[in-house]
Amino acid sequence: MSNYTRAWVRGGTYFFTVNLLDRRRRLLVDHIDVLRGAFAAGRARRPFEVVAAVVLPDHLHCLWTLPAGDADNATRWGHIKTAFSRALPRVEHRSVRRIARAERGIWQRRYWEHVIRDDRDLAAHVDYIYFNPVKHGHARRVVDWPHSTFHRDVARGAVAADWGGDGDGCAAGGGGEREGGWMRGRLVAG
C-alpha cells in the first residue's frame, strides 16, 4: 500500500490538481454552480484565499493560501468534494470497494499538491492555471474560457485581457513579474 505524504506548511500557498474519477465526464462544468456553492461552503467552514483557479470539464487546478498557523488543506478538500458529490444525483458507476466504503464514484481519492516556494514558482503556477484550457483544447485564447479566476484578475487590473491570447502561454515580463503588477511584492510562505 502506498504511503501518501502531504506537505504541511502553516499559512502556505499550495497548488492543487483535483480530478474526477471518470475523466470522460463533464461534471465540473455541467454543474459549475454546484461546484461554486461547494467552494463557498468550504471556505465558510475553513477559510482560505483562492489565488488562482480554473475549472475544466474533468479536473480543476487551484492555488490557495491558507491562514497563518493553518496547514490543513486535506479537510478543506474533503468538505468541497463531499458538498459537490451530495448535491448530484446518484447515477455514477461505483466499484464494489466504493460501495463497501459508502463512497460516491465522482472524485479520484487522491489529489496532487505542491507547496509554492517563491514568487517565481507562484507565477509559473498561475500561468499554468490560466493557460490550461487552451492547452487542453477547450478554448483558443485564455480569455475565452469562462471558468477561471483569470477574469477576476483582469477586472482587478492585475493581468491584461489579451494575456496568452496568441497561444504563447508566457507572462509579460516573465520571471514572476507581470504587467499590471499583481505579482510584485507578493512573497509566499514555503
N, C-alpha and C. Protein backbone atom coordinates (compact mmCIF):
# COMPACT_ATOMS: atom_id res chain seq x y z
N MET A 1 0.84 -1.18 0.00
CA MET A 1 0.00 0.00 0.00
C MET A 1 0.88 1.24 0.00
N SER A 2 0.54 2.21 -0.79
CA SER A 2 1.30 3.45 -0.89
C SER A 2 1.14 4.29 0.36
N ASN A 3 2.19 5.00 0.69
CA ASN A 3 2.14 5.94 1.80
C ASN A 3 2.17 7.35 1.23
N TYR A 4 1.04 8.03 1.28
CA TYR A 4 0.94 9.37 0.74
C TYR A 4 1.31 10.37 1.82
N THR A 5 2.30 11.17 1.54
CA THR A 5 2.75 12.18 2.49
C THR A 5 2.32 13.54 1.99
N ARG A 6 1.60 14.26 2.80
CA ARG A 6 1.16 15.61 2.47
C ARG A 6 2.15 16.61 3.04
N ALA A 7 2.32 17.70 2.33
CA ALA A 7 3.14 18.80 2.83
C ALA A 7 2.29 19.62 3.79
N TRP A 8 2.84 19.95 4.92
CA TRP A 8 2.11 20.72 5.93
C TRP A 8 2.89 22.00 6.21
N VAL A 9 2.59 23.04 5.47
CA VAL A 9 3.23 24.34 5.65
C VAL A 9 2.17 25.30 6.16
N ARG A 10 2.29 25.69 7.39
CA ARG A 10 1.30 26.57 8.01
C ARG A 10 1.29 27.92 7.30
N GLY A 11 0.08 28.34 6.88
CA GLY A 11 -0.04 29.61 6.16
C GLY A 11 0.56 29.57 4.77
N GLY A 12 0.83 28.39 4.26
CA GLY A 12 1.49 28.23 2.96
C GLY A 12 0.55 28.46 1.79
N THR A 13 1.16 28.60 0.63
CA THR A 13 0.43 28.67 -0.63
C THR A 13 0.66 27.35 -1.36
N TYR A 14 -0.43 26.73 -1.79
CA TYR A 14 -0.39 25.41 -2.39
C TYR A 14 -1.01 25.43 -3.78
N PHE A 15 -0.44 24.64 -4.69
CA PHE A 15 -1.03 24.36 -6.00
C PHE A 15 -1.65 22.97 -5.91
N PHE A 16 -2.88 22.85 -6.45
CA PHE A 16 -3.59 21.57 -6.44
C PHE A 16 -4.09 21.22 -7.83
N THR A 17 -4.10 19.92 -8.12
CA THR A 17 -4.84 19.36 -9.24
C THR A 17 -5.77 18.31 -8.65
N VAL A 18 -7.06 18.45 -8.94
CA VAL A 18 -8.07 17.53 -8.42
C VAL A 18 -8.86 17.01 -9.62
N ASN A 19 -8.96 15.69 -9.73
CA ASN A 19 -9.57 15.04 -10.90
C ASN A 19 -10.86 14.30 -10.56
N LEU A 20 -11.74 14.26 -11.56
CA LEU A 20 -12.88 13.35 -11.48
C LEU A 20 -12.36 11.92 -11.63
N LEU A 21 -13.08 10.98 -11.07
CA LEU A 21 -12.72 9.58 -11.21
C LEU A 21 -12.84 9.14 -12.68
N ASP A 22 -13.93 9.50 -13.31
CA ASP A 22 -14.15 9.18 -14.72
C ASP A 22 -13.82 10.43 -15.53
N ARG A 23 -12.65 10.44 -16.14
CA ARG A 23 -12.16 11.63 -16.83
C ARG A 23 -12.92 11.91 -18.13
N ARG A 24 -13.86 11.05 -18.52
CA ARG A 24 -14.69 11.31 -19.70
C ARG A 24 -15.90 12.15 -19.38
N ARG A 25 -16.20 12.34 -18.11
CA ARG A 25 -17.39 13.09 -17.70
C ARG A 25 -17.10 14.59 -17.69
N ARG A 26 -18.15 15.38 -17.75
CA ARG A 26 -18.05 16.84 -17.77
C ARG A 26 -18.73 17.46 -16.54
N LEU A 27 -18.72 16.74 -15.45
CA LEU A 27 -19.48 17.15 -14.28
C LEU A 27 -19.11 18.53 -13.75
N LEU A 28 -17.85 18.88 -13.80
CA LEU A 28 -17.42 20.13 -13.17
C LEU A 28 -17.96 21.35 -13.89
N VAL A 29 -18.00 21.33 -15.21
CA VAL A 29 -18.56 22.49 -15.93
C VAL A 29 -20.07 22.36 -16.10
N ASP A 30 -20.57 21.13 -16.19
CA ASP A 30 -22.02 20.95 -16.30
C ASP A 30 -22.74 21.34 -15.01
N HIS A 31 -22.02 21.28 -13.89
CA HIS A 31 -22.58 21.62 -12.58
C HIS A 31 -21.72 22.69 -11.90
N ILE A 32 -21.32 23.69 -12.68
CA ILE A 32 -20.41 24.72 -12.17
C ILE A 32 -21.00 25.47 -10.99
N ASP A 33 -22.29 25.72 -10.99
CA ASP A 33 -22.90 26.43 -9.86
C ASP A 33 -22.87 25.60 -8.59
N VAL A 34 -23.03 24.30 -8.72
CA VAL A 34 -22.92 23.41 -7.56
C VAL A 34 -21.49 23.44 -7.03
N LEU A 35 -20.51 23.41 -7.94
CA LEU A 35 -19.11 23.46 -7.53
C LEU A 35 -18.80 24.78 -6.83
N ARG A 36 -19.30 25.88 -7.39
CA ARG A 36 -19.09 27.18 -6.74
C ARG A 36 -19.70 27.19 -5.34
N GLY A 37 -20.87 26.62 -5.20
CA GLY A 37 -21.51 26.54 -3.89
C GLY A 37 -20.71 25.69 -2.92
N ALA A 38 -20.13 24.59 -3.40
CA ALA A 38 -19.31 23.73 -2.56
C ALA A 38 -18.06 24.48 -2.10
N PHE A 39 -17.46 25.25 -2.99
CA PHE A 39 -16.30 26.06 -2.61
C PHE A 39 -16.69 27.11 -1.58
N ALA A 40 -17.80 27.79 -1.80
CA ALA A 40 -18.25 28.83 -0.86
C ALA A 40 -18.52 28.23 0.52
N ALA A 41 -19.19 27.09 0.55
CA ALA A 41 -19.46 26.43 1.83
C ALA A 41 -18.17 25.98 2.51
N GLY A 42 -17.25 25.45 1.72
CA GLY A 42 -15.97 25.02 2.27
C GLY A 42 -15.16 26.18 2.83
N ARG A 43 -15.17 27.29 2.11
CA ARG A 43 -14.43 28.48 2.58
C ARG A 43 -15.10 29.09 3.81
N ALA A 44 -16.40 28.96 3.92
CA ALA A 44 -17.10 29.47 5.11
C ALA A 44 -16.73 28.66 6.35
N ARG A 45 -16.56 27.35 6.17
CA ARG A 45 -16.20 26.48 7.30
C ARG A 45 -14.74 26.60 7.69
N ARG A 46 -13.87 26.64 6.69
CA ARG A 46 -12.42 26.70 6.91
C ARG A 46 -11.83 27.64 5.87
N PRO A 47 -11.66 28.90 6.20
CA PRO A 47 -11.25 29.92 5.22
C PRO A 47 -9.91 29.62 4.55
N PHE A 48 -9.79 30.11 3.33
CA PHE A 48 -8.55 30.11 2.56
C PHE A 48 -8.72 31.13 1.45
N GLU A 49 -7.61 31.64 0.96
CA GLU A 49 -7.64 32.58 -0.16
C GLU A 49 -7.44 31.81 -1.46
N VAL A 50 -8.29 32.07 -2.44
CA VAL A 50 -8.10 31.49 -3.77
C VAL A 50 -7.23 32.47 -4.56
N VAL A 51 -5.99 32.12 -4.76
CA VAL A 51 -5.05 32.96 -5.50
C VAL A 51 -5.37 32.88 -6.99
N ALA A 52 -5.61 31.66 -7.47
CA ALA A 52 -5.97 31.43 -8.87
C ALA A 52 -6.66 30.07 -8.96
N ALA A 53 -7.54 29.94 -9.95
CA ALA A 53 -8.23 28.66 -10.15
C ALA A 53 -8.76 28.58 -11.57
N VAL A 54 -8.86 27.36 -12.06
CA VAL A 54 -9.51 27.08 -13.33
C VAL A 54 -10.25 25.76 -13.19
N VAL A 55 -11.45 25.72 -13.74
CA VAL A 55 -12.26 24.50 -13.72
C VAL A 55 -12.44 24.05 -15.16
N LEU A 56 -12.04 22.83 -15.44
CA LEU A 56 -12.23 22.21 -16.74
C LEU A 56 -13.29 21.12 -16.58
N PRO A 57 -13.72 20.49 -17.66
CA PRO A 57 -14.80 19.51 -17.53
C PRO A 57 -14.51 18.38 -16.55
N ASP A 58 -13.27 17.88 -16.51
CA ASP A 58 -12.96 16.68 -15.74
C ASP A 58 -11.93 16.88 -14.64
N HIS A 59 -11.38 18.08 -14.51
CA HIS A 59 -10.42 18.35 -13.45
C HIS A 59 -10.34 19.84 -13.18
N LEU A 60 -9.70 20.19 -12.09
CA LEU A 60 -9.50 21.60 -11.77
C LEU A 60 -8.13 21.80 -11.17
N HIS A 61 -7.65 23.04 -11.30
CA HIS A 61 -6.38 23.45 -10.71
C HIS A 61 -6.66 24.67 -9.84
N CYS A 62 -6.04 24.71 -8.68
CA CYS A 62 -6.21 25.84 -7.76
C CYS A 62 -4.90 26.19 -7.11
N LEU A 63 -4.77 27.45 -6.77
CA LEU A 63 -3.73 27.94 -5.88
C LEU A 63 -4.43 28.55 -4.68
N TRP A 64 -4.13 28.03 -3.49
CA TRP A 64 -4.72 28.54 -2.26
C TRP A 64 -3.63 29.02 -1.33
N THR A 65 -3.94 30.06 -0.58
CA THR A 65 -3.11 30.44 0.56
C THR A 65 -3.95 30.21 1.81
N LEU A 66 -3.39 29.44 2.73
CA LEU A 66 -4.08 29.12 3.97
C LEU A 66 -3.81 30.20 5.02
N PRO A 67 -4.69 30.31 6.01
CA PRO A 67 -4.46 31.29 7.08
C PRO A 67 -3.17 30.98 7.86
N ALA A 68 -2.58 32.01 8.43
CA ALA A 68 -1.39 31.83 9.25
C ALA A 68 -1.66 30.80 10.33
N GLY A 69 -0.73 29.89 10.53
CA GLY A 69 -0.87 28.88 11.56
C GLY A 69 -1.69 27.67 11.15
N ASP A 70 -2.20 27.63 9.92
CA ASP A 70 -3.06 26.54 9.47
C ASP A 70 -2.42 25.86 8.26
N ALA A 71 -2.35 24.54 8.30
CA ALA A 71 -1.76 23.78 7.20
C ALA A 71 -2.70 22.70 6.67
N ASP A 72 -3.96 22.71 7.08
CA ASP A 72 -4.87 21.61 6.78
C ASP A 72 -5.66 21.84 5.49
N ASN A 73 -5.04 21.50 4.37
CA ASN A 73 -5.77 21.59 3.10
C ASN A 73 -6.62 20.35 2.85
N ALA A 74 -6.26 19.21 3.44
CA ALA A 74 -6.99 17.96 3.20
C ALA A 74 -8.43 18.05 3.69
N THR A 75 -8.65 18.62 4.86
CA THR A 75 -10.02 18.75 5.37
C THR A 75 -10.82 19.69 4.48
N ARG A 76 -10.20 20.74 3.99
CA ARG A 76 -10.89 21.68 3.10
C ARG A 76 -11.33 20.97 1.82
N TRP A 77 -10.42 20.19 1.22
CA TRP A 77 -10.80 19.45 0.01
C TRP A 77 -11.89 18.43 0.32
N GLY A 78 -11.82 17.80 1.47
CA GLY A 78 -12.87 16.86 1.86
C GLY A 78 -14.24 17.51 1.91
N HIS A 79 -14.30 18.71 2.50
CA HIS A 79 -15.57 19.44 2.57
C HIS A 79 -16.09 19.78 1.17
N ILE A 80 -15.20 20.26 0.31
CA ILE A 80 -15.61 20.68 -1.04
C ILE A 80 -16.09 19.48 -1.85
N LYS A 81 -15.31 18.42 -1.85
CA LYS A 81 -15.67 17.24 -2.63
C LYS A 81 -16.97 16.61 -2.13
N THR A 82 -17.13 16.57 -0.82
CA THR A 82 -18.35 15.99 -0.25
C THR A 82 -19.58 16.84 -0.58
N ALA A 83 -19.47 18.14 -0.43
CA ALA A 83 -20.61 19.02 -0.73
C ALA A 83 -21.00 18.92 -2.20
N PHE A 84 -20.03 18.88 -3.09
CA PHE A 84 -20.32 18.74 -4.52
C PHE A 84 -21.01 17.41 -4.80
N SER A 85 -20.45 16.34 -4.26
CA SER A 85 -20.99 15.00 -4.51
C SER A 85 -22.41 14.84 -3.98
N ARG A 86 -22.68 15.35 -2.80
CA ARG A 86 -24.01 15.22 -2.21
C ARG A 86 -25.08 15.96 -3.01
N ALA A 87 -24.69 16.99 -3.73
CA ALA A 87 -25.65 17.79 -4.50
C ALA A 87 -26.01 17.15 -5.84
N LEU A 88 -25.29 16.11 -6.25
CA LEU A 88 -25.54 15.47 -7.55
C LEU A 88 -26.36 14.19 -7.38
N PRO A 89 -27.17 13.88 -8.39
CA PRO A 89 -27.92 12.62 -8.32
C PRO A 89 -26.98 11.42 -8.36
N ARG A 90 -27.39 10.34 -7.76
CA ARG A 90 -26.57 9.12 -7.70
C ARG A 90 -26.78 8.28 -8.96
N VAL A 91 -26.07 8.64 -10.00
CA VAL A 91 -26.19 7.91 -11.26
C VAL A 91 -24.87 7.31 -11.73
N GLU A 92 -23.79 7.61 -11.05
CA GLU A 92 -22.47 7.14 -11.49
C GLU A 92 -22.26 5.67 -11.14
N HIS A 93 -21.39 5.04 -11.92
CA HIS A 93 -20.97 3.67 -11.61
C HIS A 93 -20.08 3.71 -10.37
N ARG A 94 -20.28 2.73 -9.47
CA ARG A 94 -19.42 2.62 -8.30
C ARG A 94 -18.87 1.21 -8.21
N SER A 95 -17.60 1.11 -7.89
CA SER A 95 -16.98 -0.20 -7.72
C SER A 95 -17.48 -0.84 -6.44
N VAL A 96 -17.25 -2.13 -6.30
CA VAL A 96 -17.62 -2.85 -5.09
C VAL A 96 -16.93 -2.22 -3.88
N ARG A 97 -15.69 -1.83 -4.06
CA ARG A 97 -14.93 -1.22 -2.97
C ARG A 97 -15.54 0.12 -2.54
N ARG A 98 -15.93 0.92 -3.51
CA ARG A 98 -16.54 2.22 -3.17
C ARG A 98 -17.91 2.02 -2.51
N ILE A 99 -18.65 1.05 -2.96
CA ILE A 99 -19.95 0.76 -2.33
C ILE A 99 -19.72 0.33 -0.88
N ALA A 100 -18.74 -0.55 -0.65
CA ALA A 100 -18.44 -1.03 0.71
C ALA A 100 -18.03 0.12 1.62
N ARG A 101 -17.36 1.12 1.08
CA ARG A 101 -16.91 2.27 1.88
C ARG A 101 -17.94 3.41 1.90
N ALA A 102 -19.08 3.18 1.26
CA ALA A 102 -20.13 4.20 1.15
C ALA A 102 -19.61 5.47 0.48
N GLU A 103 -18.77 5.27 -0.56
CA GLU A 103 -18.20 6.39 -1.31
C GLU A 103 -18.92 6.56 -2.64
N ARG A 104 -19.02 7.78 -3.08
CA ARG A 104 -19.52 8.07 -4.41
C ARG A 104 -18.43 7.77 -5.42
N GLY A 105 -18.80 7.64 -6.67
CA GLY A 105 -17.85 7.39 -7.74
C GLY A 105 -17.60 8.64 -8.57
N ILE A 106 -17.40 9.76 -7.90
CA ILE A 106 -17.25 11.04 -8.61
C ILE A 106 -15.80 11.50 -8.68
N TRP A 107 -15.13 11.55 -7.55
CA TRP A 107 -13.78 12.11 -7.47
C TRP A 107 -12.74 11.01 -7.35
N GLN A 108 -11.54 11.25 -7.88
CA GLN A 108 -10.40 10.43 -7.52
C GLN A 108 -10.12 10.67 -6.05
N ARG A 109 -9.71 9.64 -5.34
CA ARG A 109 -9.47 9.77 -3.90
C ARG A 109 -8.34 10.75 -3.61
N ARG A 110 -7.29 10.66 -4.33
CA ARG A 110 -6.10 11.48 -4.09
C ARG A 110 -6.14 12.72 -4.97
N TYR A 111 -5.28 13.66 -4.65
CA TYR A 111 -5.09 14.85 -5.47
C TYR A 111 -3.62 15.24 -5.42
N TRP A 112 -3.22 16.01 -6.42
CA TRP A 112 -1.84 16.46 -6.49
C TRP A 112 -1.73 17.78 -5.75
N GLU A 113 -0.68 17.92 -4.95
CA GLU A 113 -0.41 19.18 -4.27
C GLU A 113 1.06 19.53 -4.42
N HIS A 114 1.34 20.80 -4.39
CA HIS A 114 2.71 21.31 -4.45
C HIS A 114 2.75 22.57 -3.62
N VAL A 115 3.71 22.67 -2.71
CA VAL A 115 3.88 23.88 -1.91
C VAL A 115 4.67 24.88 -2.74
N ILE A 116 4.13 26.08 -2.86
CA ILE A 116 4.79 27.13 -3.62
C ILE A 116 6.00 27.64 -2.83
N ARG A 117 7.14 27.71 -3.52
CA ARG A 117 8.40 28.05 -2.87
C ARG A 117 8.71 29.54 -2.84
N ASP A 118 8.36 30.25 -3.94
CA ASP A 118 8.73 31.65 -4.04
C ASP A 118 7.88 32.32 -5.13
N ASP A 119 8.13 33.60 -5.37
CA ASP A 119 7.33 34.34 -6.35
C ASP A 119 7.45 33.77 -7.76
N ARG A 120 8.61 33.31 -8.14
CA ARG A 120 8.80 32.73 -9.48
C ARG A 120 7.95 31.46 -9.62
N ASP A 121 7.96 30.63 -8.60
CA ASP A 121 7.17 29.41 -8.60
C ASP A 121 5.67 29.74 -8.65
N LEU A 122 5.28 30.74 -7.88
CA LEU A 122 3.88 31.18 -7.89
C LEU A 122 3.47 31.64 -9.29
N ALA A 123 4.29 32.48 -9.91
CA ALA A 123 3.97 33.00 -11.24
C ALA A 123 3.85 31.86 -12.26
N ALA A 124 4.75 30.89 -12.18
CA ALA A 124 4.71 29.76 -13.11
C ALA A 124 3.41 28.97 -12.95
N HIS A 125 2.96 28.79 -11.72
CA HIS A 125 1.73 28.02 -11.49
C HIS A 125 0.48 28.81 -11.86
N VAL A 126 0.49 30.12 -11.64
CA VAL A 126 -0.64 30.93 -12.12
C VAL A 126 -0.71 30.86 -13.63
N ASP A 127 0.43 30.99 -14.31
CA ASP A 127 0.46 30.89 -15.77
C ASP A 127 -0.10 29.54 -16.22
N TYR A 128 0.31 28.48 -15.55
CA TYR A 128 -0.16 27.14 -15.89
C TYR A 128 -1.69 27.05 -15.74
N ILE A 129 -2.21 27.58 -14.65
CA ILE A 129 -3.65 27.56 -14.41
C ILE A 129 -4.38 28.32 -15.51
N TYR A 130 -3.94 29.54 -15.79
CA TYR A 130 -4.61 30.37 -16.79
C TYR A 130 -4.60 29.71 -18.17
N PHE A 131 -3.47 29.10 -18.53
CA PHE A 131 -3.31 28.59 -19.89
C PHE A 131 -3.90 27.19 -20.07
N ASN A 132 -4.27 26.51 -19.00
CA ASN A 132 -4.71 25.13 -19.07
C ASN A 132 -5.88 24.87 -20.03
N PRO A 133 -6.91 25.73 -20.08
CA PRO A 133 -8.00 25.47 -21.03
C PRO A 133 -7.53 25.51 -22.50
N VAL A 134 -6.56 26.34 -22.80
CA VAL A 134 -6.00 26.40 -24.15
C VAL A 134 -5.20 25.12 -24.41
N LYS A 135 -4.38 24.74 -23.46
CA LYS A 135 -3.57 23.52 -23.56
C LYS A 135 -4.43 22.29 -23.86
N HIS A 136 -5.59 22.20 -23.22
CA HIS A 136 -6.46 21.04 -23.39
C HIS A 136 -7.46 21.19 -24.55
N GLY A 137 -7.37 22.29 -25.29
CA GLY A 137 -8.23 22.48 -26.46
C GLY A 137 -9.65 22.92 -26.15
N HIS A 138 -9.89 23.42 -24.95
CA HIS A 138 -11.24 23.89 -24.59
C HIS A 138 -11.48 25.34 -25.02
N ALA A 139 -10.41 26.06 -25.31
CA ALA A 139 -10.52 27.47 -25.72
C ALA A 139 -9.34 27.80 -26.62
N ARG A 140 -9.57 28.76 -27.52
CA ARG A 140 -8.49 29.20 -28.40
C ARG A 140 -7.59 30.19 -27.69
N ARG A 141 -8.20 31.03 -26.83
CA ARG A 141 -7.47 32.04 -26.07
C ARG A 141 -7.84 31.91 -24.60
N VAL A 142 -6.95 32.32 -23.73
CA VAL A 142 -7.19 32.25 -22.29
C VAL A 142 -8.48 32.96 -21.92
N VAL A 143 -8.70 34.13 -22.48
CA VAL A 143 -9.87 34.95 -22.15
C VAL A 143 -11.19 34.29 -22.56
N ASP A 144 -11.14 33.33 -23.47
CA ASP A 144 -12.36 32.67 -23.96
C ASP A 144 -12.93 31.64 -22.98
N TRP A 145 -12.15 31.18 -22.00
CA TRP A 145 -12.63 30.16 -21.08
C TRP A 145 -13.29 30.84 -19.88
N PRO A 146 -14.58 30.55 -19.62
CA PRO A 146 -15.30 31.31 -18.58
C PRO A 146 -15.02 30.87 -17.14
N HIS A 147 -14.52 29.67 -16.93
CA HIS A 147 -14.43 29.11 -15.58
C HIS A 147 -13.02 29.26 -15.01
N SER A 148 -12.59 30.51 -14.85
CA SER A 148 -11.23 30.80 -14.42
C SER A 148 -11.18 32.11 -13.65
N THR A 149 -10.31 32.18 -12.68
CA THR A 149 -10.10 33.44 -11.96
C THR A 149 -9.33 34.43 -12.83
N PHE A 150 -8.95 34.03 -14.02
CA PHE A 150 -8.32 34.96 -14.95
C PHE A 150 -9.18 36.20 -15.12
N HIS A 151 -10.48 36.01 -15.24
CA HIS A 151 -11.41 37.13 -15.46
C HIS A 151 -11.44 38.06 -14.24
N ARG A 152 -11.38 37.48 -13.04
CA ARG A 152 -11.30 38.28 -11.82
C ARG A 152 -10.04 39.13 -11.82
N ASP A 153 -8.92 38.53 -12.22
CA ASP A 153 -7.65 39.25 -12.21
C ASP A 153 -7.58 40.31 -13.30
N VAL A 154 -8.23 40.07 -14.43
CA VAL A 154 -8.34 41.11 -15.46
C VAL A 154 -9.13 42.29 -14.91
N ALA A 155 -10.26 42.01 -14.26
CA ALA A 155 -11.09 43.07 -13.70
C ALA A 155 -10.34 43.88 -12.64
N ARG A 156 -9.45 43.25 -11.91
CA ARG A 156 -8.64 43.93 -10.89
C ARG A 156 -7.48 44.71 -11.50
N GLY A 157 -7.26 44.52 -12.80
CA GLY A 157 -6.13 45.18 -13.45
C GLY A 157 -4.80 44.48 -13.21
N ALA A 158 -4.86 43.25 -12.74
CA ALA A 158 -3.66 42.51 -12.40
C ALA A 158 -3.00 41.84 -13.62
N VAL A 159 -3.77 41.64 -14.68
CA VAL A 159 -3.26 40.99 -15.88
C VAL A 159 -4.06 41.53 -17.07
N ALA A 160 -3.40 41.61 -18.21
CA ALA A 160 -4.06 42.11 -19.42
C ALA A 160 -5.01 41.06 -19.98
N ALA A 161 -6.13 41.51 -20.50
CA ALA A 161 -7.15 40.61 -21.04
C ALA A 161 -6.63 39.78 -22.20
N ASP A 162 -5.61 40.27 -22.90
CA ASP A 162 -5.08 39.53 -24.04
C ASP A 162 -3.89 38.65 -23.68
N TRP A 163 -3.61 38.49 -22.37
CA TRP A 163 -2.51 37.63 -21.95
C TRP A 163 -2.73 36.21 -22.47
N GLY A 164 -1.71 35.65 -23.09
CA GLY A 164 -1.81 34.30 -23.60
C GLY A 164 -2.73 34.16 -24.80
N GLY A 165 -3.21 35.30 -25.32
CA GLY A 165 -4.17 35.29 -26.41
C GLY A 165 -3.62 34.78 -27.71
N ASP A 166 -2.29 34.84 -27.86
CA ASP A 166 -1.69 34.35 -29.09
C ASP A 166 -1.23 32.90 -28.97
N GLY A 167 -1.56 32.28 -27.83
CA GLY A 167 -1.21 30.88 -27.63
C GLY A 167 0.19 30.65 -27.12
N ASP A 168 0.88 31.73 -26.71
CA ASP A 168 2.26 31.54 -26.26
C ASP A 168 2.36 31.05 -24.82
N GLY A 169 1.36 31.37 -24.00
CA GLY A 169 1.35 30.89 -22.62
C GLY A 169 2.38 31.54 -21.73
N CYS A 170 3.02 32.60 -22.18
CA CYS A 170 4.06 33.23 -21.38
C CYS A 170 3.57 34.55 -20.82
N ALA A 171 3.93 34.81 -19.59
CA ALA A 171 3.55 36.06 -18.94
C ALA A 171 4.41 37.20 -19.44
N ALA A 172 3.81 38.36 -19.59
CA ALA A 172 4.58 39.54 -19.96
C ALA A 172 5.60 39.82 -18.87
N GLY A 173 6.83 40.03 -19.26
CA GLY A 173 7.87 40.33 -18.29
C GLY A 173 8.56 39.09 -17.75
N GLY A 174 7.86 37.95 -17.71
CA GLY A 174 8.45 36.69 -17.26
C GLY A 174 8.96 36.74 -15.83
N GLY A 175 9.41 35.62 -15.34
CA GLY A 175 10.09 35.52 -14.07
C GLY A 175 9.34 36.05 -12.86
N GLY A 176 8.03 35.99 -12.88
CA GLY A 176 7.27 36.39 -11.70
C GLY A 176 6.85 37.83 -11.71
N GLU A 177 7.24 38.60 -12.69
CA GLU A 177 6.80 39.99 -12.81
C GLU A 177 5.81 40.06 -13.97
N ARG A 178 4.67 40.68 -13.73
CA ARG A 178 3.66 40.80 -14.77
C ARG A 178 3.32 42.26 -14.95
N GLU A 179 2.97 42.61 -16.17
CA GLU A 179 2.45 43.96 -16.37
C GLU A 179 1.14 44.04 -15.61
N GLY A 180 0.90 45.12 -14.94
CA GLY A 180 -0.27 45.25 -14.09
C GLY A 180 0.08 45.02 -12.63
N GLY A 181 1.20 44.34 -12.37
CA GLY A 181 1.78 44.27 -11.06
C GLY A 181 1.14 43.34 -10.04
N TRP A 182 0.32 42.38 -10.42
CA TRP A 182 -0.31 41.55 -9.40
C TRP A 182 0.70 40.71 -8.65
N MET A 183 1.86 40.45 -9.26
CA MET A 183 2.88 39.63 -8.60
C MET A 183 3.84 40.45 -7.76
N ARG A 184 4.03 41.70 -8.06
CA ARG A 184 5.09 42.47 -7.42
C ARG A 184 4.92 42.52 -5.91
N GLY A 185 5.96 42.13 -5.21
CA GLY A 185 5.96 42.21 -3.76
C GLY A 185 5.20 41.10 -3.05
N ARG A 186 4.73 40.10 -3.76
CA ARG A 186 3.97 39.03 -3.11
C ARG A 186 4.91 37.85 -2.83
N LEU A 187 5.45 37.81 -1.67
CA LEU A 187 6.31 36.71 -1.27
C LEU A 187 5.44 35.74 -0.48
N VAL A 188 5.51 34.46 -0.86
CA VAL A 188 4.64 33.46 -0.23
C VAL A 188 5.43 32.60 0.73
N ALA A 189 4.69 31.99 1.63
CA ALA A 189 5.32 31.06 2.58
C ALA A 189 5.78 29.82 1.84
N GLY A 190 6.76 29.18 2.33
CA GLY A 190 7.20 27.95 1.71
C GLY A 190 8.53 27.59 2.05
